[in-house]
């Protein structure tokens, strides 16, 4: 029986993808590295250090581990500065309505994000009140596609993986949910999240009614 929901943040609750892209672009330009939206797609749902390594490898750059940490930190500073522009108007369509309904129906709710800035984003959205547990890049050492962040959320909620549904917009996130034994709802195109248990083009379509209808025997 489903008792809890675990949500990714970027691309599910709100869309900070453009802010991430701009921050990585500024950093890459400062290094004279190539960085475009196609490469940016490979960073979706991936940790900061894994992301900088993807960019480094794409550019065939030889960079020390110490320098990579410095670059990742600089990118994060650029990104965090941009978070101040987020407001409660920046929920993705359908996201706040779903979170409100889950509260009304007494489901347990956790965040399962790779971002280390999740709390700041939730505060800007005035969304902390919707979550029982906040799991982010500070909570576990292994990032997606390892299932650790979702296992962390389920454990803190006092639930088993099979009692939880994960909402994810990234291929690595769906892989993580599957690896952990969770039910997965994919948000986005077939080529990215088509391996989820059920997929929707947007959060606006991924309503509690639709999800309950698909997983009918679990509710």
N, C-alpha and C. Protein backbone atom coordinates (compact mmCIF):
# COMPACT_ATOMS: atom_id res chain seq x y z
N UNK A 1 0.83 -1.19 0.00
CA UNK A 1 0.00 0.00 0.00
C UNK A 1 0.88 1.25 0.00
N UNK A 2 0.58 2.18 -0.88
CA UNK A 2 1.38 3.40 -0.98
C UNK A 2 1.06 4.33 0.18
N UNK A 3 2.11 4.73 0.89
CA UNK A 3 1.96 5.62 2.05
C UNK A 3 2.76 6.91 1.90
N UNK A 4 3.72 6.92 0.94
CA UNK A 4 4.58 8.09 0.82
C UNK A 4 4.96 8.43 -0.61
N UNK A 5 5.34 9.67 -0.79
CA UNK A 5 5.79 10.17 -2.09
C UNK A 5 7.15 10.84 -1.89
N UNK A 6 8.05 10.62 -2.84
CA UNK A 6 9.36 11.24 -2.80
C UNK A 6 9.56 12.01 -4.11
N UNK A 7 9.90 13.27 -4.00
CA UNK A 7 10.01 14.14 -5.17
C UNK A 7 11.44 14.61 -5.41
N UNK A 8 11.85 14.53 -6.66
CA UNK A 8 13.02 15.29 -7.09
C UNK A 8 12.60 16.77 -7.06
N UNK A 9 13.56 17.65 -7.15
CA UNK A 9 13.23 19.08 -7.09
C UNK A 9 13.25 19.74 -8.47
N UNK A 10 14.44 19.82 -9.06
CA UNK A 10 14.57 20.49 -10.35
C UNK A 10 13.83 19.72 -11.44
N UNK A 11 12.91 20.39 -12.12
CA UNK A 11 12.16 19.77 -13.19
C UNK A 11 10.92 19.04 -12.73
N UNK A 12 10.69 19.01 -11.41
CA UNK A 12 9.51 18.36 -10.86
C UNK A 12 8.69 19.34 -10.02
N UNK A 13 9.32 19.95 -9.02
CA UNK A 13 8.64 20.94 -8.20
C UNK A 13 8.76 22.34 -8.81
N UNK A 14 9.95 22.66 -9.25
CA UNK A 14 10.21 23.93 -9.94
C UNK A 14 11.26 23.68 -11.01
N UNK A 15 11.48 24.65 -11.85
CA UNK A 15 12.45 24.45 -12.93
C UNK A 15 13.61 25.42 -12.76
N UNK A 16 14.66 24.94 -12.14
CA UNK A 16 15.87 25.75 -12.00
C UNK A 16 16.90 25.37 -13.06
N UNK A 17 16.45 24.58 -14.04
CA UNK A 17 17.38 24.09 -15.06
C UNK A 17 18.06 25.25 -15.80
N UNK A 18 17.31 26.31 -16.09
CA UNK A 18 17.89 27.45 -16.80
C UNK A 18 18.95 28.15 -15.95
N UNK A 19 18.69 28.23 -14.64
CA UNK A 19 19.66 28.86 -13.73
C UNK A 19 20.93 28.02 -13.67
N UNK A 20 20.77 26.69 -13.64
CA UNK A 20 21.95 25.81 -13.65
C UNK A 20 22.72 25.98 -14.96
N UNK A 21 21.98 26.01 -16.07
CA UNK A 21 22.62 26.15 -17.38
C UNK A 21 23.44 27.43 -17.45
N UNK A 22 22.84 28.54 -17.02
CA UNK A 22 23.54 29.82 -17.09
C UNK A 22 24.78 29.83 -16.21
N UNK A 23 24.69 29.20 -15.03
CA UNK A 23 25.85 29.14 -14.13
C UNK A 23 26.98 28.30 -14.73
N UNK A 24 26.63 27.14 -15.29
CA UNK A 24 27.65 26.30 -15.93
C UNK A 24 28.23 27.00 -17.16
N UNK A 25 27.40 27.73 -17.88
CA UNK A 25 27.86 28.44 -19.07
C UNK A 25 28.86 29.53 -18.72
N UNK A 26 28.56 30.29 -17.67
CA UNK A 26 29.49 31.34 -17.22
C UNK A 26 30.82 30.72 -16.81
N UNK A 27 30.74 29.62 -16.05
CA UNK A 27 31.96 28.95 -15.61
C UNK A 27 32.75 28.42 -16.80
N UNK A 28 32.07 27.75 -17.72
CA UNK A 28 32.75 27.16 -18.88
C UNK A 28 33.39 28.23 -19.76
N UNK A 29 32.69 29.32 -19.95
CA UNK A 29 33.26 30.42 -20.75
C UNK A 29 34.53 30.96 -20.11
N UNK A 30 34.54 31.00 -18.78
CA UNK A 30 35.74 31.51 -18.08
C UNK A 30 36.94 30.59 -18.27
N UNK A 31 36.66 29.32 -18.59
CA UNK A 31 37.72 28.34 -18.83
C UNK A 31 37.98 28.10 -20.32
N UNK A 32 37.24 28.83 -21.16
CA UNK A 32 37.30 28.62 -22.61
C UNK A 32 36.91 27.20 -22.99
N UNK A 33 35.95 26.65 -22.25
CA UNK A 33 35.43 25.33 -22.53
C UNK A 33 34.14 25.42 -23.33
N UNK A 34 33.93 24.42 -24.16
CA UNK A 34 32.66 24.33 -24.90
C UNK A 34 31.57 23.83 -23.95
N UNK A 35 30.44 24.51 -23.98
CA UNK A 35 29.29 24.09 -23.18
C UNK A 35 28.02 24.58 -23.84
N UNK A 36 27.12 23.64 -24.17
CA UNK A 36 25.87 24.03 -24.82
C UNK A 36 24.70 23.28 -24.18
N UNK A 37 23.51 23.50 -24.68
CA UNK A 37 22.32 22.91 -24.07
C UNK A 37 22.27 21.39 -24.22
N UNK A 38 22.86 20.88 -25.29
CA UNK A 38 22.91 19.43 -25.46
C UNK A 38 23.76 18.79 -24.37
N UNK A 39 24.92 19.38 -24.08
CA UNK A 39 25.77 18.86 -23.01
C UNK A 39 25.10 19.06 -21.66
N UNK A 40 24.40 20.17 -21.51
CA UNK A 40 23.70 20.46 -20.26
C UNK A 40 22.67 19.38 -19.92
N UNK A 41 22.05 18.78 -20.94
CA UNK A 41 21.06 17.73 -20.71
C UNK A 41 21.68 16.53 -20.00
N UNK A 42 22.96 16.30 -20.24
CA UNK A 42 23.64 15.17 -19.60
C UNK A 42 23.85 15.40 -18.10
N UNK A 43 23.67 16.63 -17.66
CA UNK A 43 23.88 16.96 -16.25
C UNK A 43 22.60 16.85 -15.44
N UNK A 44 21.49 16.58 -16.10
CA UNK A 44 20.19 16.53 -15.42
C UNK A 44 20.20 15.42 -14.37
N UNK A 45 19.93 15.81 -13.12
CA UNK A 45 19.86 14.84 -12.03
C UNK A 45 21.20 14.36 -11.53
N UNK A 46 22.29 14.97 -12.01
CA UNK A 46 23.64 14.52 -11.67
C UNK A 46 24.25 15.48 -10.65
N UNK A 47 25.09 14.96 -9.75
CA UNK A 47 25.70 15.79 -8.72
C UNK A 47 26.65 16.82 -9.33
N UNK A 48 27.00 17.82 -8.52
CA UNK A 48 27.85 18.92 -8.99
C UNK A 48 29.22 18.42 -9.44
N UNK A 49 29.86 17.56 -8.63
CA UNK A 49 31.19 17.08 -9.00
C UNK A 49 31.15 16.16 -10.21
N UNK A 50 30.12 15.34 -10.29
CA UNK A 50 29.98 14.49 -11.49
C UNK A 50 29.74 15.37 -12.72
N UNK A 51 29.00 16.45 -12.54
CA UNK A 51 28.72 17.37 -13.65
C UNK A 51 30.00 18.03 -14.16
N UNK A 52 30.83 18.53 -13.25
CA UNK A 52 32.06 19.19 -13.69
C UNK A 52 32.99 18.21 -14.39
N UNK A 53 32.95 16.95 -13.98
CA UNK A 53 33.77 15.94 -14.65
C UNK A 53 33.25 15.62 -16.04
N UNK A 54 31.92 15.63 -16.21
CA UNK A 54 31.34 15.43 -17.54
C UNK A 54 31.77 16.56 -18.47
N UNK A 55 31.73 17.78 -17.98
CA UNK A 55 32.14 18.94 -18.79
C UNK A 55 33.63 18.86 -19.11
N UNK A 56 34.44 18.50 -18.12
CA UNK A 56 35.89 18.37 -18.33
C UNK A 56 36.21 17.32 -19.38
N UNK A 57 35.57 16.15 -19.25
CA UNK A 57 35.81 15.07 -20.21
C UNK A 57 35.37 15.47 -21.61
N UNK A 58 34.24 16.16 -21.71
CA UNK A 58 33.75 16.60 -23.02
C UNK A 58 34.76 17.51 -23.69
N UNK A 59 35.48 18.29 -22.90
CA UNK A 59 36.46 19.23 -23.44
C UNK A 59 37.89 18.67 -23.46
N UNK A 60 38.02 17.38 -23.10
CA UNK A 60 39.34 16.74 -23.08
C UNK A 60 40.35 17.56 -22.28
N UNK A 61 39.89 18.08 -21.16
CA UNK A 61 40.74 18.95 -20.34
C UNK A 61 41.40 18.16 -19.21
N UNK A 62 42.65 18.46 -18.98
CA UNK A 62 43.38 17.87 -17.85
C UNK A 62 43.34 18.87 -16.69
N UNK A 63 42.62 18.50 -15.64
CA UNK A 63 42.43 19.41 -14.51
C UNK A 63 42.63 18.61 -13.21
N UNK A 64 43.36 19.18 -12.28
CA UNK A 64 43.59 18.50 -11.01
C UNK A 64 42.28 18.42 -10.21
N UNK A 65 42.24 17.47 -9.30
CA UNK A 65 41.05 17.31 -8.46
C UNK A 65 40.80 18.57 -7.64
N UNK A 66 41.87 19.17 -7.15
CA UNK A 66 41.73 20.40 -6.37
C UNK A 66 41.11 21.51 -7.20
N UNK A 67 41.53 21.63 -8.47
CA UNK A 67 40.98 22.66 -9.36
C UNK A 67 39.53 22.37 -9.68
N UNK A 68 39.18 21.10 -9.86
CA UNK A 68 37.80 20.74 -10.15
C UNK A 68 36.88 21.14 -8.99
N UNK A 69 37.33 20.90 -7.78
CA UNK A 69 36.55 21.29 -6.60
C UNK A 69 36.37 22.81 -6.59
N UNK A 70 37.43 23.52 -6.92
CA UNK A 70 37.37 24.99 -6.96
C UNK A 70 36.36 25.46 -8.01
N UNK A 71 36.39 24.83 -9.18
CA UNK A 71 35.47 25.21 -10.26
C UNK A 71 34.02 24.89 -9.88
N UNK A 72 33.81 23.73 -9.29
CA UNK A 72 32.45 23.35 -8.87
C UNK A 72 31.92 24.31 -7.82
N UNK A 73 32.80 24.73 -6.92
CA UNK A 73 32.41 25.68 -5.88
C UNK A 73 32.05 27.03 -6.49
N UNK A 74 32.84 27.46 -7.48
CA UNK A 74 32.56 28.73 -8.16
C UNK A 74 31.22 28.68 -8.89
N UNK A 75 30.96 27.55 -9.55
CA UNK A 75 29.67 27.40 -10.23
C UNK A 75 28.53 27.50 -9.23
N UNK A 76 28.71 26.86 -8.08
CA UNK A 76 27.66 26.86 -7.07
C UNK A 76 27.39 28.27 -6.55
N UNK A 77 28.43 29.06 -6.39
CA UNK A 77 28.28 30.43 -5.92
C UNK A 77 27.47 31.25 -6.93
N UNK A 78 27.75 31.05 -8.21
CA UNK A 78 26.99 31.75 -9.26
C UNK A 78 25.53 31.33 -9.21
N UNK A 79 25.31 30.02 -9.07
CA UNK A 79 23.94 29.48 -9.04
C UNK A 79 23.17 29.96 -7.81
N UNK A 80 23.80 29.89 -6.64
CA UNK A 80 23.12 30.29 -5.40
C UNK A 80 22.71 31.76 -5.46
N UNK A 81 23.57 32.61 -6.01
CA UNK A 81 23.22 34.03 -6.16
C UNK A 81 21.95 34.20 -6.99
N UNK A 82 21.78 33.33 -7.98
CA UNK A 82 20.62 33.45 -8.87
C UNK A 82 19.33 32.94 -8.22
N UNK A 83 19.43 32.16 -7.13
CA UNK A 83 18.25 31.59 -6.50
C UNK A 83 17.36 32.64 -5.84
N UNK A 84 17.93 33.80 -5.55
CA UNK A 84 17.15 34.85 -4.89
C UNK A 84 16.00 35.35 -5.75
N UNK A 85 16.06 35.08 -7.04
CA UNK A 85 14.98 35.53 -7.92
C UNK A 85 13.79 34.58 -7.94
N UNK A 86 13.92 33.38 -7.32
CA UNK A 86 12.81 32.43 -7.27
C UNK A 86 11.76 32.91 -6.27
N UNK A 87 10.48 32.77 -6.64
CA UNK A 87 9.35 33.16 -5.77
C UNK A 87 8.32 32.04 -5.77
N UNK A 88 7.30 32.13 -4.90
CA UNK A 88 6.22 31.12 -4.90
C UNK A 88 5.45 31.04 -6.23
N UNK A 89 5.72 31.94 -7.13
CA UNK A 89 5.09 31.88 -8.46
C UNK A 89 5.80 30.89 -9.37
N UNK A 90 6.93 30.35 -8.89
CA UNK A 90 7.77 29.54 -9.76
C UNK A 90 7.60 28.02 -9.59
N UNK A 91 6.51 27.60 -8.95
CA UNK A 91 6.18 26.17 -9.00
C UNK A 91 5.88 25.79 -10.44
N UNK A 92 6.27 24.59 -10.84
CA UNK A 92 5.81 24.08 -12.13
C UNK A 92 4.30 23.86 -12.05
N UNK A 93 3.56 24.11 -13.13
CA UNK A 93 2.11 23.92 -13.11
C UNK A 93 1.73 22.53 -12.61
N UNK A 94 0.88 22.49 -11.60
CA UNK A 94 0.41 21.23 -11.03
C UNK A 94 1.16 20.78 -9.80
N UNK A 95 2.37 21.29 -9.60
CA UNK A 95 3.21 20.80 -8.50
C UNK A 95 2.66 21.20 -7.13
N UNK A 96 2.34 22.47 -6.95
CA UNK A 96 1.84 22.92 -5.65
C UNK A 96 0.49 22.29 -5.34
N UNK A 97 -0.34 22.15 -6.37
CA UNK A 97 -1.65 21.53 -6.18
C UNK A 97 -1.51 20.09 -5.70
N UNK A 98 -0.55 19.36 -6.29
CA UNK A 98 -0.32 17.98 -5.89
C UNK A 98 0.20 17.90 -4.46
N UNK A 99 1.15 18.73 -4.12
CA UNK A 99 1.70 18.73 -2.77
C UNK A 99 0.63 19.07 -1.73
N UNK A 100 -0.23 20.01 -2.06
CA UNK A 100 -1.33 20.39 -1.16
C UNK A 100 -2.28 19.22 -0.94
N UNK A 101 -2.61 18.52 -2.02
CA UNK A 101 -3.53 17.40 -1.94
C UNK A 101 -2.93 16.24 -1.14
N UNK A 102 -1.65 16.00 -1.32
CA UNK A 102 -1.00 14.94 -0.55
C UNK A 102 -1.04 15.23 0.94
N UNK A 103 -0.90 16.50 1.30
CA UNK A 103 -1.02 16.90 2.70
C UNK A 103 -2.44 16.64 3.20
N UNK A 104 -3.42 17.00 2.40
CA UNK A 104 -4.82 16.83 2.79
C UNK A 104 -5.18 15.37 2.97
N UNK A 105 -4.55 14.50 2.17
CA UNK A 105 -4.85 13.07 2.24
C UNK A 105 -3.89 12.30 3.16
N UNK A 106 -3.07 13.04 3.89
CA UNK A 106 -2.20 12.48 4.95
C UNK A 106 -1.12 11.53 4.44
N UNK A 107 -0.67 11.72 3.21
CA UNK A 107 0.49 10.97 2.72
C UNK A 107 1.76 11.59 3.31
N UNK A 108 2.78 10.77 3.50
CA UNK A 108 4.09 11.27 3.91
C UNK A 108 4.85 11.71 2.67
N UNK A 109 5.61 12.78 2.80
CA UNK A 109 6.28 13.36 1.63
C UNK A 109 7.74 13.69 1.95
N UNK A 110 8.63 13.27 1.05
CA UNK A 110 10.06 13.57 1.20
C UNK A 110 10.59 14.19 -0.08
N UNK A 111 11.65 14.96 0.07
CA UNK A 111 12.38 15.46 -1.09
C UNK A 111 13.57 14.54 -1.30
N UNK A 112 13.87 14.23 -2.56
CA UNK A 112 15.03 13.40 -2.89
C UNK A 112 15.79 14.03 -4.04
N UNK A 113 16.58 15.03 -3.74
CA UNK A 113 17.26 15.82 -4.76
C UNK A 113 18.78 15.69 -4.66
N UNK A 114 19.45 15.76 -5.80
CA UNK A 114 20.91 15.74 -5.81
C UNK A 114 21.48 17.10 -5.41
N UNK A 115 20.66 18.14 -5.47
CA UNK A 115 21.12 19.50 -5.19
C UNK A 115 21.45 19.70 -3.72
N UNK A 116 22.54 20.41 -3.46
CA UNK A 116 22.89 20.77 -2.09
C UNK A 116 22.25 22.10 -1.67
N UNK A 117 21.47 22.67 -2.60
CA UNK A 117 20.81 23.95 -2.33
C UNK A 117 19.29 23.80 -2.24
N UNK A 118 18.83 22.57 -2.03
CA UNK A 118 17.40 22.30 -2.05
C UNK A 118 16.62 23.11 -1.01
N UNK A 119 17.16 23.21 0.20
CA UNK A 119 16.44 23.92 1.26
C UNK A 119 16.25 25.39 0.88
N UNK A 120 17.27 26.00 0.30
CA UNK A 120 17.17 27.39 -0.15
C UNK A 120 16.06 27.54 -1.19
N UNK A 121 16.00 26.62 -2.15
CA UNK A 121 14.97 26.68 -3.19
C UNK A 121 13.58 26.51 -2.57
N UNK A 122 13.44 25.54 -1.68
CA UNK A 122 12.14 25.31 -1.03
C UNK A 122 11.72 26.53 -0.21
N UNK A 123 12.67 27.18 0.43
CA UNK A 123 12.35 28.38 1.19
C UNK A 123 11.87 29.49 0.28
N UNK A 124 12.53 29.65 -0.85
CA UNK A 124 12.13 30.69 -1.80
C UNK A 124 10.72 30.42 -2.34
N UNK A 125 10.38 29.14 -2.50
CA UNK A 125 9.05 28.75 -3.00
C UNK A 125 7.99 28.77 -1.90
N UNK A 126 8.42 28.88 -0.62
CA UNK A 126 7.55 28.70 0.54
C UNK A 126 6.96 27.29 0.50
N UNK A 127 7.84 26.31 0.27
CA UNK A 127 7.41 24.92 0.08
C UNK A 127 7.86 23.98 1.18
N UNK A 128 8.66 24.47 2.13
CA UNK A 128 9.17 23.59 3.19
C UNK A 128 8.03 22.90 3.93
N UNK A 129 6.90 23.59 4.07
CA UNK A 129 5.75 23.08 4.83
C UNK A 129 5.14 21.82 4.22
N UNK A 130 5.44 21.54 2.97
CA UNK A 130 4.85 20.37 2.31
C UNK A 130 5.66 19.09 2.53
N UNK A 131 6.85 19.21 3.12
CA UNK A 131 7.75 18.07 3.20
C UNK A 131 8.00 17.64 4.64
N UNK A 132 7.90 16.34 4.87
CA UNK A 132 8.23 15.77 6.18
C UNK A 132 9.73 15.59 6.32
N UNK A 133 10.39 15.26 5.21
CA UNK A 133 11.82 15.00 5.20
C UNK A 133 12.43 15.68 3.98
N UNK A 134 13.59 16.30 4.17
CA UNK A 134 14.32 16.88 3.04
C UNK A 134 15.63 16.11 2.87
N UNK A 135 15.70 15.36 1.79
CA UNK A 135 16.92 14.65 1.43
C UNK A 135 17.56 15.35 0.24
N UNK A 136 18.84 15.68 0.34
CA UNK A 136 19.50 16.38 -0.76
C UNK A 136 20.95 15.93 -0.88
N UNK A 137 21.73 16.69 -1.61
CA UNK A 137 23.12 16.32 -1.84
C UNK A 137 23.97 16.29 -0.59
N UNK A 138 23.44 16.85 0.51
CA UNK A 138 24.16 16.83 1.77
C UNK A 138 23.83 15.57 2.59
N UNK A 139 22.83 14.81 2.14
CA UNK A 139 22.31 13.69 2.95
C UNK A 139 23.01 12.38 2.69
N UNK A 140 23.51 12.17 1.47
CA UNK A 140 24.15 10.91 1.11
C UNK A 140 25.42 11.19 0.31
N UNK A 141 26.29 10.20 0.23
CA UNK A 141 27.55 10.38 -0.49
C UNK A 141 27.45 9.95 -1.95
N UNK A 142 26.60 8.99 -2.24
CA UNK A 142 26.45 8.50 -3.61
C UNK A 142 25.24 9.16 -4.27
N UNK A 143 25.47 9.79 -5.41
CA UNK A 143 24.38 10.47 -6.11
C UNK A 143 23.71 9.53 -7.11
N UNK A 144 22.60 9.95 -7.66
CA UNK A 144 21.89 9.17 -8.67
C UNK A 144 22.83 8.92 -9.85
N UNK A 145 22.81 7.72 -10.45
CA UNK A 145 21.76 6.70 -10.41
C UNK A 145 21.81 5.73 -9.22
N UNK A 146 22.68 5.94 -8.27
CA UNK A 146 22.60 5.14 -7.03
C UNK A 146 21.30 5.50 -6.32
N UNK A 147 20.64 4.55 -5.68
CA UNK A 147 19.33 4.80 -5.07
C UNK A 147 19.39 5.44 -3.69
N UNK A 148 20.58 5.79 -3.23
CA UNK A 148 20.78 6.18 -1.83
C UNK A 148 19.88 7.32 -1.35
N UNK A 149 19.69 8.35 -2.18
CA UNK A 149 18.90 9.50 -1.74
C UNK A 149 17.44 9.12 -1.52
N UNK A 150 16.91 8.22 -2.34
CA UNK A 150 15.52 7.77 -2.16
C UNK A 150 15.40 6.82 -0.98
N UNK A 151 16.41 5.97 -0.81
CA UNK A 151 16.43 5.08 0.35
C UNK A 151 16.51 5.88 1.64
N UNK A 152 17.28 6.96 1.61
CA UNK A 152 17.39 7.86 2.76
C UNK A 152 16.01 8.44 3.09
N UNK A 153 15.31 8.94 2.06
CA UNK A 153 14.00 9.53 2.29
C UNK A 153 13.00 8.55 2.84
N UNK A 154 12.96 7.34 2.25
CA UNK A 154 12.03 6.32 2.71
C UNK A 154 12.31 5.92 4.15
N UNK A 155 13.59 5.73 4.47
CA UNK A 155 13.96 5.33 5.82
C UNK A 155 13.55 6.39 6.83
N UNK A 156 13.80 7.65 6.51
CA UNK A 156 13.45 8.74 7.42
C UNK A 156 11.93 8.89 7.56
N UNK A 157 11.20 8.51 6.52
CA UNK A 157 9.74 8.52 6.61
C UNK A 157 9.20 7.32 7.37
N UNK A 158 10.08 6.32 7.59
CA UNK A 158 9.65 5.10 8.25
C UNK A 158 8.93 4.15 7.32
N UNK A 159 9.26 4.22 6.03
CA UNK A 159 8.57 3.42 5.02
C UNK A 159 9.54 2.53 4.25
N UNK A 160 8.99 1.47 3.65
CA UNK A 160 9.76 0.62 2.76
C UNK A 160 9.69 1.21 1.35
N UNK A 161 10.68 0.92 0.50
CA UNK A 161 10.65 1.44 -0.87
C UNK A 161 9.35 1.13 -1.61
N UNK A 162 8.83 -0.09 -1.41
CA UNK A 162 7.61 -0.48 -2.12
C UNK A 162 6.36 0.23 -1.60
N UNK A 163 6.51 1.04 -0.58
CA UNK A 163 5.40 1.84 -0.06
C UNK A 163 5.47 3.28 -0.56
N UNK A 164 6.44 3.55 -1.45
CA UNK A 164 6.66 4.93 -1.91
C UNK A 164 6.63 5.04 -3.44
N UNK A 165 6.16 6.18 -3.89
CA UNK A 165 6.21 6.53 -5.31
C UNK A 165 7.16 7.71 -5.48
N UNK A 166 8.10 7.57 -6.41
CA UNK A 166 9.08 8.62 -6.70
C UNK A 166 8.68 9.38 -7.95
N UNK A 167 8.74 10.70 -7.88
CA UNK A 167 8.53 11.57 -9.05
C UNK A 167 9.90 12.06 -9.52
N UNK A 168 10.24 11.82 -10.78
CA UNK A 168 11.56 12.17 -11.31
C UNK A 168 11.46 12.65 -12.76
N UNK A 169 12.35 13.56 -13.13
CA UNK A 169 12.38 14.04 -14.52
C UNK A 169 13.67 13.65 -15.24
N UNK A 170 14.56 12.95 -14.54
CA UNK A 170 15.87 12.62 -15.12
C UNK A 170 16.03 11.11 -15.31
N UNK A 171 16.74 10.74 -16.35
CA UNK A 171 17.01 9.32 -16.61
C UNK A 171 17.72 8.69 -15.42
N UNK A 172 18.73 9.40 -14.89
CA UNK A 172 19.47 8.88 -13.74
C UNK A 172 18.58 8.72 -12.52
N UNK A 173 17.59 9.61 -12.40
CA UNK A 173 16.66 9.54 -11.27
C UNK A 173 15.73 8.34 -11.36
N UNK A 174 15.25 8.05 -12.56
CA UNK A 174 14.40 6.87 -12.74
C UNK A 174 15.23 5.60 -12.49
N UNK A 175 16.46 5.60 -12.98
CA UNK A 175 17.36 4.47 -12.73
C UNK A 175 17.54 4.25 -11.22
N UNK A 176 17.70 5.36 -10.49
CA UNK A 176 17.90 5.29 -9.04
C UNK A 176 16.67 4.73 -8.34
N UNK A 177 15.50 5.20 -8.75
CA UNK A 177 14.25 4.72 -8.15
C UNK A 177 14.08 3.22 -8.40
N UNK A 178 14.34 2.80 -9.62
CA UNK A 178 14.20 1.39 -9.97
C UNK A 178 15.21 0.53 -9.18
N UNK A 179 16.43 1.03 -9.07
CA UNK A 179 17.46 0.28 -8.35
C UNK A 179 17.12 0.11 -6.88
N UNK A 180 16.36 1.07 -6.33
CA UNK A 180 16.01 1.01 -4.92
C UNK A 180 14.72 0.28 -4.63
N UNK A 181 14.02 -0.16 -5.67
CA UNK A 181 12.77 -0.89 -5.47
C UNK A 181 11.55 -0.01 -5.30
N UNK A 182 11.64 1.25 -5.79
CA UNK A 182 10.52 2.19 -5.70
C UNK A 182 9.67 2.16 -6.97
N UNK A 183 8.44 2.58 -6.85
CA UNK A 183 7.61 2.84 -8.03
C UNK A 183 7.99 4.22 -8.55
N UNK A 184 8.04 4.36 -9.87
CA UNK A 184 8.56 5.61 -10.45
C UNK A 184 7.57 6.26 -11.40
N UNK A 185 7.38 7.56 -11.21
CA UNK A 185 6.61 8.39 -12.12
C UNK A 185 7.60 9.29 -12.86
N UNK A 186 7.64 9.18 -14.17
CA UNK A 186 8.56 9.99 -14.96
C UNK A 186 7.88 11.24 -15.49
N UNK A 187 8.57 12.36 -15.38
CA UNK A 187 8.08 13.63 -15.92
C UNK A 187 9.00 14.05 -17.05
N UNK A 188 8.49 14.03 -18.28
CA UNK A 188 9.32 14.41 -19.41
C UNK A 188 9.13 13.50 -20.60
N UNK A 189 9.98 13.62 -21.60
CA UNK A 189 9.82 12.86 -22.84
C UNK A 189 10.14 11.37 -22.69
N UNK A 190 9.59 10.61 -23.60
CA UNK A 190 9.76 9.16 -23.62
C UNK A 190 11.23 8.75 -23.65
N UNK A 191 12.02 9.45 -24.45
CA UNK A 191 13.42 9.07 -24.60
C UNK A 191 14.24 9.29 -23.33
N UNK A 192 13.72 10.09 -22.42
CA UNK A 192 14.45 10.36 -21.18
C UNK A 192 13.93 9.56 -20.00
N UNK A 193 12.61 9.49 -19.85
CA UNK A 193 12.04 8.83 -18.67
C UNK A 193 11.00 7.77 -19.03
N UNK A 194 11.09 7.26 -20.24
CA UNK A 194 10.13 6.26 -20.69
C UNK A 194 10.23 4.94 -19.95
N UNK A 195 11.32 4.73 -19.20
CA UNK A 195 11.48 3.48 -18.46
C UNK A 195 10.86 3.56 -17.06
N UNK A 196 10.18 4.65 -16.75
CA UNK A 196 9.44 4.76 -15.49
C UNK A 196 8.21 3.85 -15.55
N UNK A 197 7.58 3.60 -14.40
CA UNK A 197 6.36 2.79 -14.38
C UNK A 197 5.22 3.48 -15.12
N UNK A 198 5.21 4.80 -15.04
CA UNK A 198 4.25 5.60 -15.80
C UNK A 198 4.91 6.93 -16.09
N UNK A 199 4.60 7.50 -17.25
CA UNK A 199 5.25 8.74 -17.68
C UNK A 199 4.19 9.79 -18.04
N UNK A 200 4.50 11.03 -17.71
CA UNK A 200 3.66 12.16 -18.09
C UNK A 200 4.54 13.23 -18.74
N UNK A 201 3.95 13.96 -19.66
CA UNK A 201 4.71 15.03 -20.32
C UNK A 201 5.02 16.18 -19.37
N UNK A 202 4.17 16.37 -18.37
CA UNK A 202 4.35 17.49 -17.45
C UNK A 202 3.76 17.16 -16.09
N UNK A 203 4.13 17.96 -15.09
CA UNK A 203 3.56 17.80 -13.75
C UNK A 203 2.07 18.10 -13.75
N UNK A 204 1.64 18.97 -14.62
CA UNK A 204 0.23 19.32 -14.69
C UNK A 204 -0.63 18.10 -15.01
N UNK A 205 -0.04 17.15 -15.73
CA UNK A 205 -0.77 15.93 -16.08
C UNK A 205 -0.60 14.81 -15.04
N UNK A 206 0.44 14.94 -14.23
CA UNK A 206 0.76 13.88 -13.27
C UNK A 206 0.00 14.07 -11.96
N UNK A 207 -1.31 14.13 -12.05
CA UNK A 207 -2.15 14.39 -10.89
C UNK A 207 -2.26 13.16 -10.00
N UNK A 208 -2.69 13.37 -8.77
CA UNK A 208 -2.88 12.25 -7.86
C UNK A 208 -3.94 11.30 -8.40
N UNK A 209 -4.96 11.83 -9.04
CA UNK A 209 -6.01 10.99 -9.62
C UNK A 209 -5.43 10.06 -10.69
N UNK A 210 -4.60 10.61 -11.58
CA UNK A 210 -4.02 9.81 -12.66
C UNK A 210 -3.07 8.75 -12.10
N UNK A 211 -2.29 9.13 -11.11
CA UNK A 211 -1.34 8.18 -10.52
C UNK A 211 -2.07 7.07 -9.77
N UNK A 212 -3.10 7.45 -9.03
CA UNK A 212 -3.90 6.44 -8.33
C UNK A 212 -4.57 5.50 -9.33
N UNK A 213 -5.01 6.03 -10.45
CA UNK A 213 -5.67 5.20 -11.45
C UNK A 213 -4.71 4.17 -12.02
N UNK A 214 -3.45 4.58 -12.24
CA UNK A 214 -2.45 3.67 -12.80
C UNK A 214 -2.03 2.61 -11.77
N UNK A 215 -1.81 3.05 -10.53
CA UNK A 215 -1.36 2.14 -9.48
C UNK A 215 -2.55 1.72 -8.60
N UNK A 216 -3.67 1.52 -9.23
CA UNK A 216 -4.94 1.33 -8.51
C UNK A 216 -4.86 0.28 -7.41
N UNK A 217 -4.19 -0.82 -7.69
CA UNK A 217 -4.15 -1.93 -6.72
C UNK A 217 -3.27 -1.61 -5.52
N UNK A 218 -2.51 -0.53 -5.58
CA UNK A 218 -1.58 -0.18 -4.52
C UNK A 218 -2.16 0.82 -3.51
N UNK A 219 -3.34 1.36 -3.83
CA UNK A 219 -3.94 2.35 -2.94
C UNK A 219 -5.17 1.78 -2.23
